[in-house]
Amino acid sequence: MLSNPVIYATASTFSRVCYDLSMPPRNHYRRNYRQNNNRRRNYKRGNYRGGNQRRHESRNNDPTAEIERWLPELRLSKRKIVWLVDPLSAIPGEGLLPSRTWALARALVAAGHDVIWWTSSYSHARRIARTPPLQIGDEEGFSVQLVATRGYNSYFSFGRFSSHRKFAKEFEAQALEGLASGYLKRPDILIATLPPPSTVDTAVRLAQKVDAELLVDVDEWWPEPLRPMIPGPKWFATLLASITFPIIARKQRDSLQSVDAILAGSQTIKDAVLKTVASPPPLEVIPTGAYLQDYSRPPHFIDHVENSRHENFQSTKSTQHPFAIAVAGDIDEKSDIYLLTDLARSLSEKNVDVIFHVVGGGRWMPRLETAAPLLTGSCQIRCHGRVDRSRYVGLLSDCQAGLVLPGLLNRFPLPVEASDYAAAGLVLFLTQTSELANLVTQADAGMITDSTAETIADAIGPLTTDPRQVARFRQSARKLAEVFLDREKLAAKAVTWLESLAEVDHVDSL
């Protein structure tokens, strides 16, 4: 019966279909598809050829044709192993905003290096225990090592500094044990964040033991930003600061004198390092910046032909929604609460329709959440607390301006929240002269006022009725972010500077 060609072809086709149905489905979209199918992928790209085909094509080789390069992971000859040591920043999978260390890790992976991020098992921002992030290697390209540490309730307490010391001790022990057992490979570069100083002290010892280059990333200059976080009355805070601050400053100075390079988050921090360290190592200023692709460009103001009917329509349309102002960042100073509530009362007295969207946590955020519903008038304060990235971007995109609180500027000369304001194209309001104020003034992206509620209200009031000026400020703010505060470009710049110091061949990003 199989001698009949038609019956034989039908039976053969039926058997192949049954075989294909019995096999598990192929996952052509898995993330490691490129690594496990190098030959097949490069064959499709034209990079892989058989022996006869290569000999045949060599006869008709066009020297002017551009041949696609091999995948970077296959042609990288000087791949470096980089360890990031940061117990405070948010890691992937926590639902928080991407941190400075996170951006640096992404840039290092894009440059072709192997990255391990050592962090604490206790979340500093959420104050809960962390769980190991799942599939982070496939999604981000780097791994995260959790070090067991203790939890703490206050940002300035014996429990917090004890937790930092335990992290440093356990990190060193876990790293040496992994290197001795062969589970971990010797790092070529160590990048530790400052603060806390105990982490840098341990990184200095470990770098000397394993013969690795050590770079310190300084984004916050201790100990002065810790003063508002000291609990208790003012006299107790002054007494405790006089005892602990000199110790913290001395440890910070000793740590910076033993590193190979320093990466500063702002020019203000660089000046502080130069005043503290007698003979500083190579020093570079690279701000954190913001991810511009998260925010759309602000709309342009359309200057229509003047007529009474259109002016009435435009004024009616502009008064439908209140003027939204974003207030992002942790509220760790009590004076920021008084400033916000007094500002809301002043705007209500002037009958200015404004709503403040407060996003973040901090020591005094619960107090503000209690006081905000008690305010009456045209101005409102809406507290959102800590939100995930998508909601954070959505809130900033719905606002027209952003207010940088004085307490935030006391901690960070170039806060990430201000960079997000500029990326979203918001009018920036600052309450004191600083490095950020100079950038805003040069770019004409906002207004600089005194740190009193009346002066800020006098600046906000006329701006709410001037859409042309608001649009001009917003376009300038977006341009400021594109030129100076693009996080991807800044992180790539940091990696390029690091590679130049470590004499690593530059590799094009994936």
Protein backbone atom coordinates (compact mmCIF):
# COMPACT_ATOMS: atom_id res chain seq x y z
CA MET A 1 0.00 0.00 0.00
CA LEU A 2 2.94 2.31 0.70
CA SER A 3 4.12 1.81 -2.86
CA ASN A 4 1.48 4.33 -3.92
CA PRO A 5 3.26 7.76 -3.96
CA VAL A 6 0.17 9.67 -2.85
CA ILE A 7 -0.51 7.43 0.14
CA TYR A 8 3.18 7.45 1.10
CA ALA A 9 3.39 11.26 1.02
CA THR A 10 0.22 11.59 3.08
CA ALA A 11 1.47 9.15 5.72
CA SER A 12 4.86 10.89 5.88
CA THR A 13 3.27 14.30 6.37
CA PHE A 14 0.93 12.93 9.06
CA SER A 15 3.86 11.40 10.98
CA ARG A 16 5.82 14.67 10.92
CA VAL A 17 2.81 16.60 12.22
CA CYS A 18 2.33 14.13 15.06
CA TYR A 19 6.01 14.40 15.95
CA ASP A 20 5.89 18.19 16.05
CA LEU A 21 2.79 18.16 18.23
CA SER A 22 4.42 15.78 20.68
CA MET A 23 7.46 18.04 21.18
CA PRO A 24 7.37 20.97 23.66
CA PRO A 25 6.80 24.40 22.12
CA ARG A 26 9.86 26.43 21.21
CA ASN A 27 10.36 29.66 23.09
CA HIS A 28 11.93 31.95 20.53
CA TYR A 29 11.53 34.97 22.79
CA ARG A 30 13.52 33.95 25.83
CA ARG A 31 16.08 36.52 26.95
CA ASN A 32 19.04 34.15 26.66
CA TYR A 33 18.18 33.29 23.08
CA ARG A 34 21.11 35.34 21.81
CA GLN A 35 23.63 33.59 24.07
CA ASN A 36 22.40 30.03 23.38
CA ASN A 37 21.96 30.44 19.63
CA ASN A 38 25.02 32.40 18.59
CA ARG A 39 25.63 30.39 15.46
CA ARG A 40 22.07 30.52 14.24
CA ARG A 41 21.63 34.21 15.01
CA ASN A 42 24.90 35.19 13.38
CA TYR A 43 24.05 32.99 10.42
CA LYS A 44 20.91 35.06 9.91
CA ARG A 45 22.90 38.26 10.34
CA GLY A 46 25.41 37.14 7.75
CA ASN A 47 28.33 36.79 10.17
CA TYR A 48 28.53 32.99 10.08
CA ARG A 49 29.19 30.99 6.96
CA GLY A 50 30.22 27.47 6.22
CA GLY A 51 33.63 26.65 4.80
CA ASN A 52 32.55 26.32 1.15
CA GLN A 53 30.37 29.38 1.37
CA ARG A 54 33.18 31.46 2.89
CA ARG A 55 35.58 30.41 0.12
CA HIS A 56 32.96 31.23 -2.50
CA GLU A 57 32.21 34.65 -1.02
CA SER A 58 35.89 35.55 -0.64
CA ARG A 59 36.20 35.70 -4.39
CA ASN A 60 33.46 38.34 -4.65
CA ASN A 61 34.36 40.34 -1.56
CA ASP A 62 33.41 44.00 -1.80
CA PRO A 63 35.89 46.07 0.29
CA THR A 64 33.46 48.99 0.41
CA ALA A 65 30.65 46.95 1.98
CA GLU A 66 30.07 47.43 5.70
CA ILE A 67 30.17 44.09 7.50
CA GLU A 68 28.20 43.83 10.73
CA ARG A 69 30.34 43.20 13.78
CA TRP A 70 30.12 40.18 16.01
CA LEU A 71 28.09 40.42 19.14
CA PRO A 72 29.93 42.41 21.84
CA GLU A 73 29.86 39.51 24.29
CA LEU A 74 31.77 37.37 21.78
CA ARG A 75 34.44 39.86 20.77
CA LEU A 76 35.14 41.47 24.16
CA SER A 77 38.69 40.63 25.15
CA LYS A 78 39.13 42.77 28.29
CA ARG A 79 35.88 42.31 30.14
CA LYS A 80 36.19 43.52 33.73
CA ILE A 81 34.45 42.25 36.85
CA VAL A 82 32.95 45.18 38.76
CA TRP A 83 31.53 45.04 42.28
CA LEU A 84 29.11 47.76 43.37
CA VAL A 85 28.80 48.16 47.15
CA ASP A 86 25.72 50.19 48.07
CA PRO A 87 23.52 49.16 51.02
CA LEU A 88 21.13 52.15 50.89
CA SER A 89 19.84 52.58 47.34
CA ALA A 90 16.76 50.87 45.97
CA ILE A 91 17.33 47.68 43.97
CA PRO A 92 15.28 46.32 41.06
CA GLY A 93 12.08 44.63 42.09
CA GLU A 94 11.26 46.89 45.05
CA GLY A 95 8.87 49.12 43.15
CA LEU A 96 10.90 52.25 43.90
CA LEU A 97 12.51 54.77 41.58
CA PRO A 98 15.79 53.78 39.88
CA SER A 99 18.76 54.96 41.92
CA ARG A 100 22.13 56.36 40.92
CA THR A 101 23.84 53.02 41.51
CA TRP A 102 21.20 51.28 39.44
CA ALA A 103 21.91 53.57 36.49
CA LEU A 104 25.66 53.00 36.85
CA ALA A 105 25.14 49.24 36.91
CA ARG A 106 23.13 49.42 33.70
CA ALA A 107 25.80 51.49 32.00
CA LEU A 108 28.53 49.06 33.05
CA VAL A 109 26.54 46.12 31.71
CA ALA A 110 25.92 47.96 28.46
CA ALA A 111 29.67 48.52 28.17
CA GLY A 112 30.23 44.76 28.39
CA HIS A 113 31.40 44.30 31.98
CA ASP A 114 30.26 41.77 34.59
CA VAL A 115 28.55 43.54 37.49
CA ILE A 116 27.62 42.32 40.98
CA TRP A 117 25.71 44.66 43.27
CA TRP A 118 26.25 44.03 46.99
CA THR A 119 23.47 45.49 49.09
CA SER A 120 21.75 45.11 52.43
CA SER A 121 18.95 42.67 53.17
CA TYR A 122 17.09 45.55 54.84
CA SER A 123 15.47 48.25 52.70
CA HIS A 124 16.51 51.71 53.88
CA ALA A 125 13.61 53.46 52.15
CA ARG A 126 10.80 51.02 52.91
CA ARG A 127 12.12 49.86 56.31
CA ILE A 128 11.30 46.23 55.64
CA ALA A 129 13.33 43.12 54.88
CA ARG A 130 14.28 42.58 51.27
CA THR A 131 13.72 39.40 49.29
CA PRO A 132 16.11 38.19 46.57
CA PRO A 133 14.99 39.70 43.25
CA LEU A 134 13.88 37.09 40.73
CA GLN A 135 15.22 36.98 37.16
CA ILE A 136 17.20 40.16 37.65
CA GLY A 137 20.09 38.74 35.66
CA ASP A 138 17.89 38.26 32.61
CA GLU A 139 16.13 41.61 32.94
CA GLU A 140 18.98 43.92 34.00
CA GLY A 141 22.14 42.00 33.11
CA PHE A 142 23.72 42.17 36.58
CA SER A 143 23.29 40.18 39.79
CA VAL A 144 22.39 41.34 43.29
CA GLN A 145 23.94 39.84 46.42
CA LEU A 146 22.02 40.43 49.64
CA VAL A 147 24.04 40.69 52.85
CA ALA A 148 22.20 39.88 56.08
CA THR A 149 21.90 42.97 58.31
CA ARG A 150 19.71 44.26 61.12
CA GLY A 151 16.76 46.57 60.76
CA TYR A 152 16.26 50.00 62.34
CA ASN A 153 13.41 52.42 62.90
CA SER A 154 15.10 55.84 62.95
CA TYR A 155 17.34 57.38 60.30
CA PHE A 156 19.63 58.69 63.04
CA SER A 157 20.01 56.06 65.71
CA PHE A 158 22.47 53.58 67.13
CA GLY A 159 20.54 50.84 65.35
CA ARG A 160 21.16 52.38 61.93
CA PHE A 161 24.91 52.82 62.37
CA SER A 162 25.12 49.35 63.90
CA SER A 163 23.31 47.99 60.85
CA HIS A 164 25.81 49.72 58.54
CA ARG A 165 28.75 48.25 60.47
CA LYS A 166 27.22 44.78 60.38
CA PHE A 167 26.70 45.07 56.63
CA ALA A 168 30.34 46.05 56.13
CA LYS A 169 31.56 43.16 58.29
CA GLU A 170 29.30 40.54 56.69
CA PHE A 171 30.07 41.83 53.20
CA GLU A 172 33.80 41.40 53.70
CA ALA A 173 33.38 37.93 55.20
CA GLN A 174 30.97 36.79 52.49
CA ALA A 175 33.14 38.16 49.70
CA LEU A 176 36.34 36.53 50.98
CA GLU A 177 34.55 33.24 51.52
CA GLY A 178 33.17 33.30 47.99
CA LEU A 179 36.58 34.09 46.52
CA ALA A 180 38.27 31.34 48.52
CA SER A 181 35.72 28.71 47.51
CA GLY A 182 35.82 29.68 43.85
CA TYR A 183 32.16 30.68 43.79
CA LEU A 184 33.12 34.29 43.03
CA LYS A 185 35.77 35.63 40.70
CA ARG A 186 38.22 38.27 41.80
CA PRO A 187 36.88 41.75 41.06
CA ASP A 188 38.93 44.13 38.97
CA ILE A 189 37.10 47.26 40.14
CA LEU A 190 35.28 48.05 43.37
CA ILE A 191 32.78 50.93 43.44
CA ALA A 192 31.55 51.87 46.92
CA THR A 193 29.04 54.57 47.77
CA LEU A 194 29.57 57.22 50.41
CA PRO A 195 27.67 57.39 52.78
CA PRO A 196 27.95 55.28 54.86
CA PRO A 197 31.66 55.57 55.77
CA SER A 198 31.85 52.04 57.19
CA THR A 199 31.19 50.59 53.74
CA VAL A 200 34.10 52.53 52.24
CA ASP A 201 36.44 51.42 55.05
CA THR A 202 35.66 47.78 54.31
CA ALA A 203 35.98 48.35 50.57
CA VAL A 204 39.46 49.84 51.10
CA ARG A 205 40.62 46.74 52.98
CA LEU A 206 39.05 44.37 50.48
CA ALA A 207 40.53 46.19 47.50
CA GLN A 208 44.00 45.88 49.02
CA LYS A 209 43.52 42.16 49.67
CA VAL A 210 42.30 41.28 46.19
CA ASP A 211 44.41 43.88 44.34
CA ALA A 212 41.47 45.77 42.83
CA GLU A 213 40.93 49.40 41.89
CA LEU A 214 38.62 51.30 44.28
CA LEU A 215 36.31 54.12 43.26
CA VAL A 216 34.03 55.97 45.69
CA ASP A 217 30.76 57.51 44.53
CA VAL A 218 29.80 60.49 46.73
CA ASP A 219 26.28 61.83 46.23
CA GLU A 220 25.60 63.10 49.77
CA TRP A 221 28.12 64.85 52.01
CA TRP A 222 27.79 63.81 55.64
CA PRO A 223 27.40 64.61 58.47
CA GLU A 224 25.46 67.90 58.22
CA PRO A 225 22.40 66.43 56.39
CA LEU A 226 21.90 64.15 59.40
CA ARG A 227 21.15 67.04 61.76
CA PRO A 228 17.38 67.31 60.99
CA MET A 229 17.01 63.55 61.49
CA ILE A 230 18.19 63.58 65.12
CA PRO A 231 15.18 62.84 67.33
CA GLY A 232 14.37 64.73 70.50
CA PRO A 233 14.44 68.41 71.47
CA LYS A 234 16.78 70.92 69.91
CA TRP A 235 19.23 71.01 72.82
CA PHE A 236 19.58 67.23 72.68
CA ALA A 237 20.14 67.30 68.92
CA THR A 238 22.85 69.93 69.33
CA LEU A 239 24.57 67.93 72.05
CA LEU A 240 24.43 64.66 70.12
CA ALA A 241 25.65 66.32 66.93
CA SER A 242 28.65 67.82 68.73
CA ILE A 243 29.67 64.32 69.83
CA THR A 244 28.94 62.21 66.75
CA PHE A 245 29.53 64.56 63.82
CA PRO A 246 33.32 64.92 64.34
CA ILE A 247 33.64 61.12 64.42
CA ILE A 248 31.68 60.74 61.19
CA ALA A 249 33.66 63.51 59.48
CA ARG A 250 36.99 61.97 60.52
CA LYS A 251 36.04 58.51 59.23
CA GLN A 252 34.82 60.03 55.99
CA ARG A 253 38.08 61.94 55.53
CA ASP A 254 40.22 58.88 56.27
CA SER A 255 38.24 56.79 53.80
CA LEU A 256 38.61 59.28 50.95
CA GLN A 257 42.38 59.45 51.40
CA SER A 258 42.78 55.74 50.63
CA VAL A 259 40.80 55.40 47.40
CA ASP A 260 41.98 55.42 43.78
CA ALA A 261 39.30 57.73 42.33
CA ILE A 262 36.27 59.73 43.44
CA LEU A 263 33.03 60.31 41.57
CA ALA A 264 31.10 63.33 42.88
CA GLY A 265 27.42 63.95 42.29
CA SER A 266 27.78 67.74 42.13
CA GLN A 267 30.32 70.54 42.07
CA THR A 268 29.42 71.37 45.67
CA ILE A 269 30.50 67.91 46.80
CA LYS A 270 33.68 68.19 44.77
CA ASP A 271 34.57 71.44 46.54
CA ALA A 272 33.93 69.76 49.90
CA VAL A 273 36.20 66.86 48.95
CA LEU A 274 38.98 69.22 47.88
CA LYS A 275 38.74 71.04 51.22
CA THR A 276 38.80 67.80 53.20
CA VAL A 277 41.38 65.67 51.41
CA ALA A 278 44.90 67.07 51.25
CA SER A 279 46.02 65.30 48.06
CA PRO A 280 42.82 63.98 46.47
CA PRO A 281 42.84 61.22 43.83
CA PRO A 282 41.34 61.73 40.35
CA LEU A 283 37.99 63.43 40.82
CA GLU A 284 35.10 63.78 38.38
CA VAL A 285 31.72 65.51 38.72
CA ILE A 286 28.82 63.60 37.15
CA PRO A 287 25.26 64.33 38.34
CA THR A 288 22.63 61.63 38.55
CA GLY A 289 20.15 63.15 36.11
CA ALA A 290 16.82 61.73 34.95
CA TYR A 291 15.53 59.30 32.33
CA LEU A 292 14.22 61.59 29.60
CA GLN A 293 12.38 58.82 27.77
CA ASP A 294 9.95 58.49 30.68
CA TYR A 295 8.48 61.93 30.03
CA SER A 296 6.97 63.47 26.93
CA ARG A 297 7.92 66.94 25.81
CA PRO A 298 5.85 69.79 27.27
CA PRO A 299 3.32 71.35 24.89
CA HIS A 300 4.12 74.58 23.11
CA PHE A 301 2.01 77.67 23.62
CA ILE A 302 0.03 78.52 20.50
CA ASP A 303 -0.22 82.28 20.10
CA HIS A 304 -3.55 82.73 18.32
CA VAL A 305 -4.79 85.82 16.57
CA GLU A 306 -6.06 88.23 19.16
CA ASN A 307 -9.81 88.59 19.35
CA SER A 308 -12.19 88.91 22.24
CA ARG A 309 -14.00 85.65 21.58
CA HIS A 310 -10.82 83.56 21.56
CA GLU A 311 -9.42 85.30 24.63
CA ASN A 312 -12.57 84.54 26.56
CA PHE A 313 -12.48 80.92 25.42
CA GLN A 314 -8.81 80.53 26.33
CA SER A 315 -9.25 82.09 29.76
CA THR A 316 -12.27 79.85 30.44
CA LYS A 317 -10.38 76.76 29.34
CA SER A 318 -7.34 77.60 31.46
CA THR A 319 -9.42 77.92 34.62
CA GLN A 320 -11.00 74.48 34.35
CA HIS A 321 -8.20 72.74 36.24
CA PRO A 322 -6.09 74.08 39.12
CA PHE A 323 -2.43 74.87 38.63
CA ALA A 324 -0.67 71.64 39.66
CA ILE A 325 2.70 71.80 41.43
CA ALA A 326 4.73 68.69 42.24
CA VAL A 327 6.61 68.42 45.54
CA ALA A 328 8.76 65.28 45.34
CA GLY A 329 11.32 63.96 47.79
CA ASP A 330 11.50 62.85 51.39
CA ILE A 331 10.41 65.39 53.99
CA ASP A 332 12.97 65.03 56.76
CA GLU A 333 12.89 68.60 58.10
CA LYS A 334 10.04 69.99 60.14
CA SER A 335 10.45 73.42 58.57
CA ASP A 336 9.37 72.01 55.20
CA ILE A 337 5.95 71.15 56.65
CA TYR A 338 5.49 74.67 57.97
CA LEU A 339 6.58 76.09 54.62
CA LEU A 340 4.07 74.01 52.65
CA THR A 341 1.13 74.69 54.95
CA ASP A 342 1.88 78.43 55.17
CA LEU A 343 2.27 78.55 51.39
CA ALA A 344 -1.12 76.90 50.93
CA ARG A 345 -2.76 79.42 53.28
CA SER A 346 -1.11 82.36 51.50
CA LEU A 347 -2.31 81.15 48.11
CA SER A 348 -5.81 80.60 49.48
CA GLU A 349 -5.87 84.16 50.80
CA LYS A 350 -4.93 85.39 47.33
CA ASN A 351 -7.67 83.14 45.86
CA VAL A 352 -5.17 81.27 43.67
CA ASP A 353 -6.38 77.86 42.53
CA VAL A 354 -3.34 75.61 43.12
CA ILE A 355 -2.94 71.98 44.11
CA PHE A 356 0.30 70.53 45.51
CA HIS A 357 1.04 66.86 44.79
CA VAL A 358 3.44 65.70 47.51
CA VAL A 359 5.27 62.48 46.60
CA GLY A 360 7.76 60.71 48.85
CA GLY A 361 8.33 59.64 52.43
CA GLY A 362 10.52 60.92 55.19
CA ARG A 363 10.33 61.51 58.90
CA TRP A 364 7.68 64.25 58.79
CA MET A 365 5.47 62.94 55.99
CA PRO A 366 2.88 61.42 58.41
CA ARG A 367 2.46 64.83 60.05
CA LEU A 368 1.83 66.44 56.68
CA GLU A 369 -0.70 63.75 55.76
CA THR A 370 -2.58 64.63 58.94
CA ALA A 371 -2.47 68.40 58.42
CA ALA A 372 -3.25 68.48 54.68
CA PRO A 373 -6.99 67.60 54.91
CA LEU A 374 -7.51 70.34 57.50
CA LEU A 375 -6.58 73.12 55.07
CA THR A 376 -9.46 75.10 53.58
CA GLY A 377 -9.56 77.47 50.65
CA SER A 378 -8.64 77.42 46.98
CA CYS A 379 -5.25 75.76 47.55
CA GLN A 380 -5.02 72.06 48.33
CA ILE A 381 -2.26 69.68 49.42
CA ARG A 382 -2.60 66.08 48.31
CA CYS A 383 -0.14 63.57 49.83
CA HIS A 384 0.58 60.44 47.79
CA GLY A 385 3.38 58.92 49.86
CA ARG A 386 5.86 56.59 48.22
CA VAL A 387 4.68 55.48 44.80
CA ASP A 388 6.04 53.23 42.10
CA ARG A 389 7.79 54.50 39.03
CA SER A 390 4.81 54.51 36.67
CA ARG A 391 2.62 56.48 39.06
CA TYR A 392 5.48 58.84 39.87
CA VAL A 393 5.97 59.61 36.19
CA GLY A 394 2.23 60.04 35.73
CA LEU A 395 1.94 62.51 38.60
CA LEU A 396 4.82 64.64 37.35
CA SER A 397 3.47 64.56 33.81
CA ASP A 398 0.14 65.98 35.01
CA CYS A 399 1.78 68.94 36.78
CA GLN A 400 2.90 72.30 35.39
CA ALA A 401 5.55 73.20 37.98
CA GLY A 402 7.77 71.63 40.62
CA LEU A 403 8.82 72.97 44.02
CA VAL A 404 12.21 71.99 45.47
CA LEU A 405 12.02 72.14 49.25
CA PRO A 406 14.91 73.70 51.20
CA GLY A 407 15.41 70.53 53.24
CA LEU A 408 16.03 68.52 50.08
CA LEU A 409 18.62 71.01 48.84
CA ASN A 410 20.41 70.82 52.18
CA ARG A 411 21.00 67.11 51.59
CA PHE A 412 21.60 67.02 47.83
CA PRO A 413 22.97 70.02 45.90
CA LEU A 414 21.56 68.50 42.69
CA PRO A 415 18.61 66.36 43.82
CA VAL A 416 17.21 63.70 41.54
CA GLU A 417 13.72 65.12 41.99
CA ALA A 418 14.80 68.42 40.42
CA SER A 419 16.20 66.52 37.44
CA ASP A 420 12.86 64.74 37.09
CA TYR A 421 11.12 68.12 37.16
CA ALA A 422 13.28 69.33 34.31
CA ALA A 423 12.81 66.11 32.33
CA ALA A 424 9.04 66.42 32.68
CA GLY A 425 9.25 70.04 31.56
CA LEU A 426 8.03 71.62 34.80
CA VAL A 427 8.62 75.17 35.96
CA LEU A 428 11.21 74.95 38.75
CA PHE A 429 10.70 76.92 41.95
CA LEU A 430 13.71 77.15 44.27
CA THR A 431 13.91 78.79 47.67
CA GLN A 432 17.63 79.44 48.01
CA THR A 433 20.75 80.09 45.98
CA SER A 434 22.66 76.92 45.21
CA GLU A 435 24.34 75.03 42.42
CA LEU A 436 20.93 74.02 41.10
CA ALA A 437 19.77 77.63 41.22
CA ASN A 438 22.65 78.64 38.98
CA LEU A 439 21.64 76.03 36.39
CA VAL A 440 18.01 77.11 36.51
CA THR A 441 18.92 80.78 36.20
CA GLN A 442 21.24 80.22 33.25
CA ALA A 443 18.65 78.11 31.45
CA ASP A 444 15.75 80.43 32.38
CA ALA A 445 13.80 77.37 33.49
CA GLY A 446 12.16 78.68 36.66
CA MET A 447 12.14 81.22 39.47
CA ILE A 448 14.40 81.69 42.51
CA THR A 449 12.73 83.18 45.59
CA ASP A 450 13.32 83.57 49.30
CA SER A 451 12.46 80.74 51.65
CA THR A 452 9.31 82.40 52.96
CA ALA A 453 5.76 81.44 52.12
CA GLU A 454 4.76 84.99 51.12
CA THR A 455 7.52 85.43 48.54
CA ILE A 456 6.85 82.01 47.01
CA ALA A 457 3.12 82.78 46.82
CA ASP A 458 3.86 86.12 45.15
CA ALA A 459 5.89 84.26 42.51
CA ILE A 460 3.34 81.49 41.91
CA GLY A 461 0.24 83.69 41.77
CA PRO A 462 0.95 85.73 38.60
CA LEU A 463 2.40 82.69 36.84
CA THR A 464 -0.85 80.74 37.05
CA THR A 465 -2.57 83.32 34.82
CA ASP A 466 0.25 83.62 32.28
CA PRO A 467 0.25 80.49 30.08
CA ARG A 468 2.76 82.01 27.67
CA GLN A 469 5.40 82.40 30.38
CA VAL A 470 4.63 78.95 31.77
CA ALA A 471 5.17 77.40 28.35
CA ARG A 472 8.45 79.30 27.93
CA PHE A 473 9.72 78.09 31.31
CA ARG A 474 8.68 74.51 30.58
CA GLN A 475 10.45 74.38 27.25
CA SER A 476 13.61 75.78 28.84
CA ALA A 477 13.43 73.21 31.64
CA ARG A 478 13.17 70.35 29.17
CA LYS A 479 16.12 71.71 27.23
CA LEU A 480 18.12 71.94 30.46
CA ALA A 481 17.44 68.26 31.11
CA GLU A 482 18.39 67.26 27.58
CA VAL A 483 21.69 69.12 27.70
CA PHE A 484 22.90 68.57 31.26
CA LEU A 485 20.69 66.02 33.05
CA ASP A 486 20.28 63.02 30.75
CA ARG A 487 20.89 60.07 33.07
CA GLU A 488 21.81 57.58 30.35
CA LYS A 489 24.43 59.91 28.89
CA LEU A 490 25.77 60.78 32.34
CA ALA A 491 26.06 57.12 33.35
CA ALA A 492 27.82 56.30 30.10
CA LYS A 493 30.16 59.23 30.72
CA ALA A 494 30.96 57.84 34.17
CA VAL A 495 31.77 54.44 32.70
CA THR A 496 33.97 56.00 30.03
CA TRP A 497 35.87 57.96 32.67
CA LEU A 498 36.23 54.84 34.79
CA GLU A 499 37.52 52.83 31.85
CA SER A 500 40.07 55.51 31.05
CA LEU A 501 41.40 55.28 34.61
CA ALA A 502 41.45 51.49 34.66
CA GLU A 503 42.85 51.28 31.11
CA VAL A 504 39.95 49.22 29.86
CA ASP A 505 39.24 49.06 26.16
CA HIS A 506 35.98 50.79 25.43
CA VAL A 507 33.20 48.56 24.13
CA ASP A 508 30.22 49.87 22.24
CA SER A 509 26.96 49.55 24.13
CA LEU A 510 24.55 46.83 23.18
